[in-house]
Amino acid sequence: MHAYSLLSVFDIELNGSPVRLMKVKNPWGHFEWNGAWSDNSQEWKDANDDLKKELDFTNADDGIFFISFEDYLSNFPATSITH
């Protein structure tokens, strides 16, 4: 099992459709999600610069990635919250 940090959650609208995005960090500093909303995905190519700035999006192999809530639920079988 591997742990990730949830940095932020955003509710945005893209092309008239609502999208819930999670900003996640792999503490290893690399190895990122490569599906929808990953750094080089079509979703970011369709997003305007204002949205990228608002979400603090950077295309870098830094371990930080965005994933839709639906993809998160499909690909991460367990979630633990610590305080």
PDB file of N, CA and C in Angstrom:
ATOM      1  N   MET A   1       0.848  -1.178   0.000  1.00  0.00           N
ATOM      2  CA  MET A   1       0.000   0.000   0.000  1.00  0.00           C
ATOM      3  C   MET A   1       0.891   1.237   0.000  1.00  0.00           C
ATOM      4  N   HIS A   2       0.395   2.301  -0.602  1.00  0.00           N
ATOM      5  CA  HIS A   2       1.141   3.548  -0.698  1.00  0.00           C
ATOM      6  C   HIS A   2       0.215   4.695  -0.315  1.00  0.00           C
ATOM      7  N   ALA A   3       0.749   5.683   0.356  1.00  0.00           N
ATOM      8  CA  ALA A   3      -0.043   6.830   0.803  1.00  0.00           C
ATOM      9  C   ALA A   3       0.202   8.042  -0.084  1.00  0.00           C
ATOM     10  N   TYR A   4      -0.833   8.813  -0.305  1.00  0.00           N
ATOM     11  CA  TYR A   4      -0.774  10.073  -1.031  1.00  0.00           C
ATOM     12  C   TYR A   4      -1.366  11.152  -0.135  1.00  0.00           C
ATOM     13  N   SER A   5      -1.008  12.390  -0.378  1.00  0.00           N
ATOM     14  CA  SER A   5      -1.580  13.515   0.367  1.00  0.00           C
ATOM     15  C   SER A   5      -2.606  14.232  -0.504  1.00  0.00           C
ATOM     16  N   LEU A   6      -3.768  14.499   0.061  1.00  0.00           N
ATOM     17  CA  LEU A   6      -4.766  15.305  -0.623  1.00  0.00           C
ATOM     18  C   LEU A   6      -4.466  16.763  -0.320  1.00  0.00           C
ATOM     19  N   LEU A   7      -4.161  17.527  -1.353  1.00  0.00           N
ATOM     20  CA  LEU A   7      -3.796  18.933  -1.177  1.00  0.00           C
ATOM     21  C   LEU A   7      -5.004  19.862  -1.241  1.00  0.00           C
ATOM     22  N   SER A   8      -5.903  19.606  -2.202  1.00  0.00           N
ATOM     23  CA  SER A   8      -7.063  20.477  -2.399  1.00  0.00           C
ATOM     24  C   SER A   8      -8.136  19.734  -3.169  1.00  0.00           C
ATOM     25  N   VAL A   9      -9.350  20.258  -3.074  1.00  0.00           N
ATOM     26  CA  VAL A   9     -10.457  19.785  -3.888  1.00  0.00           C
ATOM     27  C   VAL A   9     -11.088  21.011  -4.536  1.00  0.00           C
ATOM     28  N   PHE A  10     -11.377  20.911  -5.827  1.00  0.00           N
ATOM     29  CA  PHE A  10     -11.945  22.027  -6.572  1.00  0.00           C
ATOM     30  C   PHE A  10     -13.205  21.571  -7.299  1.00  0.00           C
ATOM     31  N   ASP A  11     -14.226  22.395  -7.265  1.00  0.00           N
ATOM     32  CA  ASP A  11     -15.410  22.207  -8.099  1.00  0.00           C
ATOM     33  C   ASP A  11     -15.332  23.255  -9.192  1.00  0.00           C
ATOM     34  N   ILE A  12     -15.162  22.793 -10.422  1.00  0.00           N
ATOM     35  CA  ILE A  12     -15.011  23.711 -11.547  1.00  0.00           C
ATOM     36  C   ILE A  12     -16.087  23.407 -12.582  1.00  0.00           C
ATOM     37  N   GLU A  13     -16.160  24.262 -13.585  1.00  0.00           N
ATOM     38  CA  GLU A  13     -17.019  24.019 -14.727  1.00  0.00           C
ATOM     39  C   GLU A  13     -16.150  24.111 -15.967  1.00  0.00           C
ATOM     40  N   LEU A  14     -16.242  23.103 -16.819  1.00  0.00           N
ATOM     41  CA  LEU A  14     -15.475  23.089 -18.062  1.00  0.00           C
ATOM     42  C   LEU A  14     -16.425  22.761 -19.198  1.00  0.00           C
ATOM     43  N   ASN A  15     -16.510  23.672 -20.152  1.00  0.00           N
ATOM     44  CA  ASN A  15     -17.411  23.505 -21.299  1.00  0.00           C
ATOM     45  C   ASN A  15     -18.852  23.247 -20.854  1.00  0.00           C
ATOM     46  N   GLY A  16     -19.279  23.931 -19.791  1.00  0.00           N
ATOM     47  CA  GLY A  16     -20.645  23.824 -19.319  1.00  0.00           C
ATOM     48  C   GLY A  16     -20.938  22.614 -18.444  1.00  0.00           C
ATOM     49  N   SER A  17     -19.919  21.808 -18.156  1.00  0.00           N
ATOM     50  CA  SER A  17     -20.123  20.618 -17.326  1.00  0.00           C
ATOM     51  C   SER A  17     -19.361  20.752 -16.011  1.00  0.00           C
ATOM     52  N   PRO A  18     -20.007  20.370 -14.891  1.00  0.00           N
ATOM     53  CA  PRO A  18     -19.313  20.428 -13.602  1.00  0.00           C
ATOM     54  C   PRO A  18     -18.284  19.300 -13.490  1.00  0.00           C
ATOM     55  N   VAL A  19     -17.159  19.633 -12.859  1.00  0.00           N
ATOM     56  CA  VAL A  19     -16.089  18.660 -12.633  1.00  0.00           C
ATOM     57  C   VAL A  19     -15.559  18.872 -11.223  1.00  0.00           C
ATOM     58  N   ARG A  20     -15.420  17.803 -10.467  1.00  0.00           N
ATOM     59  CA  ARG A  20     -14.781  17.871  -9.155  1.00  0.00           C
ATOM     60  C   ARG A  20     -13.383  17.299  -9.320  1.00  0.00           C
ATOM     61  N   LEU A  21     -12.381  18.130  -9.048  1.00  0.00           N
ATOM     62  CA  LEU A  21     -10.985  17.728  -9.177  1.00  0.00           C
ATOM     63  C   LEU A  21     -10.321  17.658  -7.820  1.00  0.00           C
ATOM     64  N   MET A  22      -9.474  16.674  -7.673  1.00  0.00           N
ATOM     65  CA  MET A  22      -8.674  16.529  -6.461  1.00  0.00           C
ATOM     66  C   MET A  22      -7.213  16.771  -6.845  1.00  0.00           C
ATOM     67  N   LYS A  23      -6.542  17.578  -6.072  1.00  0.00           N
ATOM     68  CA  LYS A  23      -5.121  17.825  -6.261  1.00  0.00           C
ATOM     69  C   LYS A  23      -4.392  16.970  -5.232  1.00  0.00           C
ATOM     70  N   VAL A  24      -3.555  16.062  -5.726  1.00  0.00           N
ATOM     71  CA  VAL A  24      -2.956  15.016  -4.902  1.00  0.00           C
ATOM     72  C   VAL A  24      -1.444  15.064  -5.050  1.00  0.00           C
ATOM     73  N   LYS A  25      -0.741  14.675  -3.989  1.00  0.00           N
ATOM     74  CA  LYS A  25       0.722  14.623  -4.044  1.00  0.00           C
ATOM     75  C   LYS A  25       1.215  13.234  -3.665  1.00  0.00           C
ATOM     76  N   ASN A  26       2.093  12.717  -4.496  1.00  0.00           N
ATOM     77  CA  ASN A  26       2.825  11.500  -4.181  1.00  0.00           C
ATOM     78  C   ASN A  26       4.050  11.944  -3.391  1.00  0.00           C
ATOM     79  N   PRO A  27       4.206  11.531  -2.148  1.00  0.00           N
ATOM     80  CA  PRO A  27       5.327  12.017  -1.339  1.00  0.00           C
ATOM     81  C   PRO A  27       6.696  11.603  -1.868  1.00  0.00           C
ATOM     82  N   TRP A  28       6.748  10.630  -2.783  1.00  0.00           N
ATOM     83  CA  TRP A  28       8.026  10.269  -3.402  1.00  0.00           C
ATOM     84  C   TRP A  28       8.524  11.371  -4.335  1.00  0.00           C
ATOM     85  N   GLY A  29       7.633  12.291  -4.714  1.00  0.00           N
ATOM     86  CA  GLY A  29       8.030  13.409  -5.568  1.00  0.00           C
ATOM     87  C   GLY A  29       8.019  13.107  -7.050  1.00  0.00           C
ATOM     88  N   HIS A  30       7.616  11.911  -7.436  1.00  0.00           N
ATOM     89  CA  HIS A  30       7.461  11.545  -8.844  1.00  0.00           C
ATOM     90  C   HIS A  30       6.451  10.411  -8.921  1.00  0.00           C
ATOM     91  N   PHE A  31       6.234   9.885 -10.093  1.00  0.00           N
ATOM     92  CA  PHE A  31       5.191   8.884 -10.351  1.00  0.00           C
ATOM     93  C   PHE A  31       3.820   9.504 -10.127  1.00  0.00           C
ATOM     94  N   GLU A  32       3.238   9.957 -11.214  1.00  0.00           N
ATOM     95  CA  GLU A  32       1.958  10.647 -11.162  1.00  0.00           C
ATOM     96  C   GLU A  32       0.888   9.886 -11.946  1.00  0.00           C
ATOM     97  N   TRP A  33      -0.352  10.185 -11.653  1.00  0.00           N
ATOM     98  CA  TRP A  33      -1.505   9.698 -12.402  1.00  0.00           C
ATOM     99  C   TRP A  33      -1.326  10.077 -13.860  1.00  0.00           C
ATOM    100  N   ASN A  34      -1.704   9.181 -14.778  1.00  0.00           N
ATOM    101  CA  ASN A  34      -1.540   9.511 -16.195  1.00  0.00           C
ATOM    102  C   ASN A  34      -2.840   9.406 -16.991  1.00  0.00           C
ATOM    103  N   GLY A  35      -3.983   9.481 -16.306  1.00  0.00           N
ATOM    104  CA  GLY A  35      -5.276   9.472 -16.986  1.00  0.00           C
ATOM    105  C   GLY A  35      -5.780  10.888 -17.217  1.00  0.00           C
ATOM    106  N   ALA A  36      -7.102  11.004 -17.282  1.00  0.00           N
ATOM    107  CA  ALA A  36      -7.727  12.316 -17.462  1.00  0.00           C
ATOM    108  C   ALA A  36      -7.273  13.273 -16.367  1.00  0.00           C
ATOM    109  N   TRP A  37      -6.982  14.482 -16.742  1.00  0.00           N
ATOM    110  CA  TRP A  37      -6.514  15.562 -15.876  1.00  0.00           C
ATOM    111  C   TRP A  37      -5.058  15.403 -15.436  1.00  0.00           C
ATOM    112  N   SER A  38      -4.345  14.410 -15.974  1.00  0.00           N
ATOM    113  CA  SER A  38      -2.912  14.320 -15.703  1.00  0.00           C
ATOM    114  C   SER A  38      -2.201  15.451 -16.451  1.00  0.00           C
ATOM    115  N   ASP A  39      -0.940  15.650 -16.164  1.00  0.00           N
ATOM    116  CA  ASP A  39      -0.214  16.822 -16.675  1.00  0.00           C
ATOM    117  C   ASP A  39      -0.342  17.031 -18.185  1.00  0.00           C
ATOM    118  N   ASN A  40      -0.255  15.997 -18.977  1.00  0.00           N
ATOM    119  CA  ASN A  40      -0.268  16.151 -20.436  1.00  0.00           C
ATOM    120  C   ASN A  40      -1.598  15.759 -21.069  1.00  0.00           C
ATOM    121  N   SER A  41      -2.656  15.735 -20.283  1.00  0.00           N
ATOM    122  CA  SER A  41      -3.951  15.278 -20.783  1.00  0.00           C
ATOM    123  C   SER A  41      -4.649  16.341 -21.637  1.00  0.00           C
ATOM    124  N   GLN A  42      -5.600  15.868 -22.411  1.00  0.00           N
ATOM    125  CA  GLN A  42      -6.403  16.760 -23.255  1.00  0.00           C
ATOM    126  C   GLN A  42      -7.185  17.760 -22.416  1.00  0.00           C
ATOM    127  N   GLU A  43      -7.590  17.362 -21.220  1.00  0.00           N
ATOM    128  CA  GLU A  43      -8.368  18.260 -20.359  1.00  0.00           C
ATOM    129  C   GLU A  43      -7.610  19.554 -20.085  1.00  0.00           C
ATOM    130  N   TRP A  44      -6.311  19.466 -19.822  1.00  0.00           N
ATOM    131  CA  TRP A  44      -5.521  20.677 -19.573  1.00  0.00           C
ATOM    132  C   TRP A  44      -5.294  21.457 -20.856  1.00  0.00           C
ATOM    133  N   LYS A  45      -5.246  20.771 -21.984  1.00  0.00           N
ATOM    134  CA  LYS A  45      -5.113  21.477 -23.266  1.00  0.00           C
ATOM    135  C   LYS A  45      -6.365  22.282 -23.569  1.00  0.00           C
ATOM    136  N   ASP A  46      -7.531  21.782 -23.115  1.00  0.00           N
ATOM    137  CA  ASP A  46      -8.799  22.488 -23.324  1.00  0.00           C
ATOM    138  C   ASP A  46      -9.048  23.582 -22.293  1.00  0.00           C
ATOM    139  N   ALA A  47      -8.357  23.530 -21.158  1.00  0.00           N
ATOM    140  CA  ALA A  47      -8.563  24.505 -20.082  1.00  0.00           C
ATOM    141  C   ALA A  47      -7.881  25.832 -20.427  1.00  0.00           C
ATOM    142  N   ASN A  48      -8.513  26.920 -20.033  1.00  0.00           N
ATOM    143  CA  ASN A  48      -7.903  28.226 -20.300  1.00  0.00           C
ATOM    144  C   ASN A  48      -6.859  28.565 -19.237  1.00  0.00           C
ATOM    145  N   ASP A  49      -6.068  29.566 -19.549  1.00  0.00           N
ATOM    146  CA  ASP A  49      -4.968  29.954 -18.654  1.00  0.00           C
ATOM    147  C   ASP A  49      -5.460  30.436 -17.295  1.00  0.00           C
ATOM    148  N   ASP A  50      -6.631  31.075 -17.249  1.00  0.00           N
ATOM    149  CA  ASP A  50      -7.175  31.539 -15.964  1.00  0.00           C
ATOM    150  C   ASP A  50      -7.462  30.365 -15.034  1.00  0.00           C
ATOM    151  N   LEU A  51      -8.030  29.291 -15.580  1.00  0.00           N
ATOM    152  CA  LEU A  51      -8.314  28.109 -14.773  1.00  0.00           C
ATOM    153  C   LEU A  51      -7.024  27.470 -14.287  1.00  0.00           C
ATOM    154  N   LYS A  52      -6.045  27.363 -15.164  1.00  0.00           N
ATOM    155  CA  LYS A  52      -4.756  26.778 -14.779  1.00  0.00           C
ATOM    156  C   LYS A  52      -4.118  27.593 -13.650  1.00  0.00           C
ATOM    157  N   LYS A  53      -4.215  28.900 -13.739  1.00  0.00           N
ATOM    158  CA  LYS A  53      -3.656  29.761 -12.698  1.00  0.00           C
ATOM    159  C   LYS A  53      -4.443  29.614 -11.397  1.00  0.00           C
ATOM    160  N   GLU A  54      -5.771  29.589 -11.484  1.00  0.00           N
ATOM    161  CA  GLU A  54      -6.621  29.451 -10.299  1.00  0.00           C
ATOM    162  C   GLU A  54      -6.320  28.155  -9.536  1.00  0.00           C
ATOM    163  N   LEU A  55      -6.052  27.058 -10.279  1.00  0.00           N
ATOM    164  CA  LEU A  55      -5.794  25.771  -9.649  1.00  0.00           C
ATOM    165  C   LEU A  55      -4.313  25.551  -9.366  1.00  0.00           C
ATOM    166  N   ASP A  56      -3.479  26.518  -9.744  1.00  0.00           N
ATOM    167  CA  ASP A  56      -2.024  26.420  -9.563  1.00  0.00           C
ATOM    168  C   ASP A  56      -1.488  25.165 -10.254  1.00  0.00           C
ATOM    169  N   PHE A  57      -1.927  24.976 -11.510  1.00  0.00           N
ATOM    170  CA  PHE A  57      -1.499  23.835 -12.307  1.00  0.00           C
ATOM    171  C   PHE A  57      -0.106  24.071 -12.884  1.00  0.00           C
ATOM    172  N   THR A  58       0.756  23.097 -12.734  1.00  0.00           N
ATOM    173  CA  THR A  58       2.053  23.102 -13.404  1.00  0.00           C
ATOM    174  C   THR A  58       2.277  21.737 -14.027  1.00  0.00           C
ATOM    175  N   ASN A  59       2.840  21.732 -15.201  1.00  0.00           N
ATOM    176  CA  ASN A  59       3.151  20.487 -15.901  1.00  0.00           C
ATOM    177  C   ASN A  59       4.594  20.135 -15.572  1.00  0.00           C
ATOM    178  N   ALA A  60       4.774  19.342 -14.523  1.00  0.00           N
ATOM    179  CA  ALA A  60       6.118  18.986 -14.068  1.00  0.00           C
ATOM    180  C   ALA A  60       6.078  17.611 -13.405  1.00  0.00           C
ATOM    181  N   ASP A  61       7.173  16.895 -13.470  1.00  0.00           N
ATOM    182  CA  ASP A  61       7.278  15.604 -12.788  1.00  0.00           C
ATOM    183  C   ASP A  61       7.679  15.871 -11.344  1.00  0.00           C
ATOM    184  N   ASP A  62       6.686  16.375 -10.571  1.00  0.00           N
ATOM    185  CA  ASP A  62       6.944  16.800  -9.194  1.00  0.00           C
ATOM    186  C   ASP A  62       6.136  16.009  -8.172  1.00  0.00           C
ATOM    187  N   GLY A  63       5.401  14.995  -8.644  1.00  0.00           N
ATOM    188  CA  GLY A  63       4.586  14.188  -7.751  1.00  0.00           C
ATOM    189  C   GLY A  63       3.212  14.760  -7.480  1.00  0.00           C
ATOM    190  N   ILE A  64       2.935  15.961  -7.961  1.00  0.00           N
ATOM    191  CA  ILE A  64       1.630  16.591  -7.760  1.00  0.00           C
ATOM    192  C   ILE A  64       0.807  16.392  -9.019  1.00  0.00           C
ATOM    193  N   PHE A  65      -0.437  15.926  -8.826  1.00  0.00           N
ATOM    194  CA  PHE A  65      -1.288  15.689  -9.980  1.00  0.00           C
ATOM    195  C   PHE A  65      -2.748  15.955  -9.631  1.00  0.00           C
ATOM    196  N   PHE A  66      -3.539  16.130 -10.669  1.00  0.00           N
ATOM    197  CA  PHE A  66      -4.979  16.296 -10.537  1.00  0.00           C
ATOM    198  C   PHE A  66      -5.655  15.024 -11.021  1.00  0.00           C
ATOM    199  N   ILE A  67      -6.759  14.674 -10.385  1.00  0.00           N
ATOM    200  CA  ILE A  67      -7.548  13.515 -10.764  1.00  0.00           C
ATOM    201  C   ILE A  67      -9.004  13.841 -10.474  1.00  0.00           C
ATOM    202  N   SER A  68      -9.894  13.434 -11.366  1.00  0.00           N
ATOM    203  CA  SER A  68     -11.312  13.680 -11.097  1.00  0.00           C
ATOM    204  C   SER A  68     -11.751  12.802  -9.929  1.00  0.00           C
ATOM    205  N   PHE A  69     -12.772  13.249  -9.247  1.00  0.00           N
ATOM    206  CA  PHE A  69     -13.280  12.494  -8.103  1.00  0.00           C
ATOM    207  C   PHE A  69     -13.742  11.104  -8.542  1.00  0.00           C
ATOM    208  N   GLU A  70     -14.364  11.015  -9.709  1.00  0.00           N
ATOM    209  CA  GLU A  70     -14.826   9.730 -10.222  1.00  0.00           C
ATOM    210  C   GLU A  70     -13.655   8.785 -10.476  1.00  0.00           C
ATOM    211  N   ASP A  71     -12.575   9.289 -11.080  1.00  0.00           N
ATOM    212  CA  ASP A  71     -11.396   8.453 -11.317  1.00  0.00           C
ATOM    213  C   ASP A  71     -10.723   8.069 -10.006  1.00  0.00           C
ATOM    214  N   TYR A  72     -10.744   8.976  -9.057  1.00  0.00           N
ATOM    215  CA  TYR A  72     -10.186   8.661  -7.742  1.00  0.00           C
ATOM    216  C   TYR A  72     -10.928   7.468  -7.127  1.00  0.00           C
ATOM    217  N   LEU A  73     -12.246   7.535  -7.138  1.00  0.00           N
ATOM    218  CA  LEU A  73     -13.045   6.457  -6.562  1.00  0.00           C
ATOM    219  C   LEU A  73     -12.812   5.128  -7.280  1.00  0.00           C
ATOM    220  N   SER A  74     -12.578   5.179  -8.582  1.00  0.00           N
ATOM    221  CA  SER A  74     -12.360   3.962  -9.367  1.00  0.00           C
ATOM    222  C   SER A  74     -10.961   3.379  -9.200  1.00  0.00           C
ATOM    223  N   ASN A  75      -9.981   4.206  -8.847  1.00  0.00           N
ATOM    224  CA  ASN A  75      -8.588   3.761  -8.853  1.00  0.00           C
ATOM    225  C   ASN A  75      -7.920   3.690  -7.484  1.00  0.00           C
ATOM    226  N   PHE A  76      -8.530   4.284  -6.482  1.00  0.00           N
ATOM    227  CA  PHE A  76      -7.981   4.226  -5.138  1.00  0.00           C
ATOM    228  C   PHE A  76      -8.974   3.470  -4.260  1.00  0.00           C
ATOM    229  N   PRO A  77      -8.690   2.200  -3.951  1.00  0.00           N
ATOM    230  CA  PRO A  77      -9.672   1.359  -3.273  1.00  0.00           C
ATOM    231  C   PRO A  77      -9.925   1.710  -1.800  1.00  0.00           C
ATOM    232  N   ALA A  78      -9.037   2.452  -1.182  1.00  0.00           N
ATOM    233  CA  ALA A  78      -9.213   2.784   0.234  1.00  0.00           C
ATOM    234  C   ALA A  78      -8.737   4.207   0.498  1.00  0.00           C
ATOM    235  N   THR A  79      -9.383   4.836   1.462  1.00  0.00           N
ATOM    236  CA  THR A  79      -8.986   6.170   1.882  1.00  0.00           C
ATOM    237  C   THR A  79      -8.924   6.186   3.400  1.00  0.00           C
ATOM    238  N   SER A  80      -7.834   6.690   3.945  1.00  0.00           N
ATOM    239  CA  SER A  80      -7.685   6.862   5.384  1.00  0.00           C
ATOM    240  C   SER A  80      -7.415   8.327   5.664  1.00  0.00           C
ATOM    241  N   ILE A  81      -7.993   8.807   6.714  1.00  0.00           N
ATOM    242  CA  ILE A  81      -7.790  10.199   7.111  1.00  0.00           C
ATOM    243  C   ILE A  81      -7.116  10.205   8.473  1.00  0.00           C
ATOM    244  N   THR A  82      -6.048  10.970   8.573  1.00  0.00           N
ATOM    245  CA  THR A  82      -5.348  11.079   9.859  1.00  0.00           C
ATOM    246  C   THR A  82      -5.381  12.529  10.301  1.00  0.00           C
ATOM    247  N   HIS A  83      -5.232  12.716  11.563  1.00  0.00           N
ATOM    248  CA  HIS A  83      -5.233  14.073  12.126  1.00  0.00           C
ATOM    249  C   HIS A  83      -3.981  14.236  12.951  1.00  0.00           C
TER     250      HIS A  83
END
